[in-house]
Structure formats: C-alpha cells, structure tokens
C-alpha cells in the first residue's frame, strides 16, 4: 500500500506527463522541470506500403526527444540508455483497405513482440487505426521498434498525427 504522500507524488507526475503531451514546444526546447525527463516521439512522414507479414514502421521524423533515448532511422529503433520502466504507445493508421480484413500493430523489444493490438474491419470504411500500448522494464541497450501487418496489402498513412510512436520513462 502506498502512502498519501507517495500517491500525491504519482498524481503530480501524471499531471506533468499530460502537460508534456500537450505542450510539445516546451518538450522540444528541453524547457521541462526536472532533469530526469526522458520522453520521445517519432512519426512516419510519408506513406508506407504494408503487407500481410509484419512490416517495420519506418518512422523517419521526430516531434521531440528529451533525455537520452537514441533514435536510429535505418532500421528504425529507439535505443534506451537509462534503465527503468517505460510507457510505449504505437498508433498505426491504414488506408486502401477492403472489407473483412484484420490489422495488427506490434511493439517489439530487442526484436521480440511484447505487445499486439488487433482490429478486425467488417466493412464500410476505407481507413482504420490500431494502437498498441505497453509498460516495459528496460535496461541500457534495449531496442524498441514497431511493426504493422494487414491481411491484404494496404498503406500506412504518413503524417505526425496518423502513424507514430511515443516513449516515456516513468
């Protein structure tokens, strides 16, 4: 059981996290209270073909990166420098889809799938999104990647609000 003081501290950290997510200018400039903030966000800037096999999402642009998370663009991965628990969120938005299709979004740690989100599209839409979320215990050198698959060829939509990944040290 946690004390009231511990709860208040966690509650404040949560409020600070919500603030970081909505004020990207402060995050970009590193003007954030406390030096222990580790948060990064990358996105797919142009459309990418997706097949039925899991395909690495080629995130090629960063919205922000504060702390010591290292981004490698080819192949895309974030490498962790500071051990701890990390919140990871992947959103994949696809278009050019047909009826009765299945979409998967994956979070991978060191090449192994840790999380999967699956969506089944019954029909009546040309676009859909899938989101994978996890909290992982990571050590220095761990690599985080994201993949997407679709039952038939489709297109992952590029743009900072469509297909992206966020990583935050808790």
Foldseek 3Di string as FASTA:
>chain_A
DDDPVVVVVVVVVVVLVVVCVVCLVCQAVVVGPDQPWFKWKFFFAAKDKAAQPWDFRQGDGTSHTHDDWDFDRVVTKTFDAAWAKKKKKWKWKWFQDAAFKKKKKFKDKQRHTDWIWMDTHHDDDGMDMTMTIDIDGDHGGIIITMIMHMHGMIMTGGDRVGTMMMMTGD
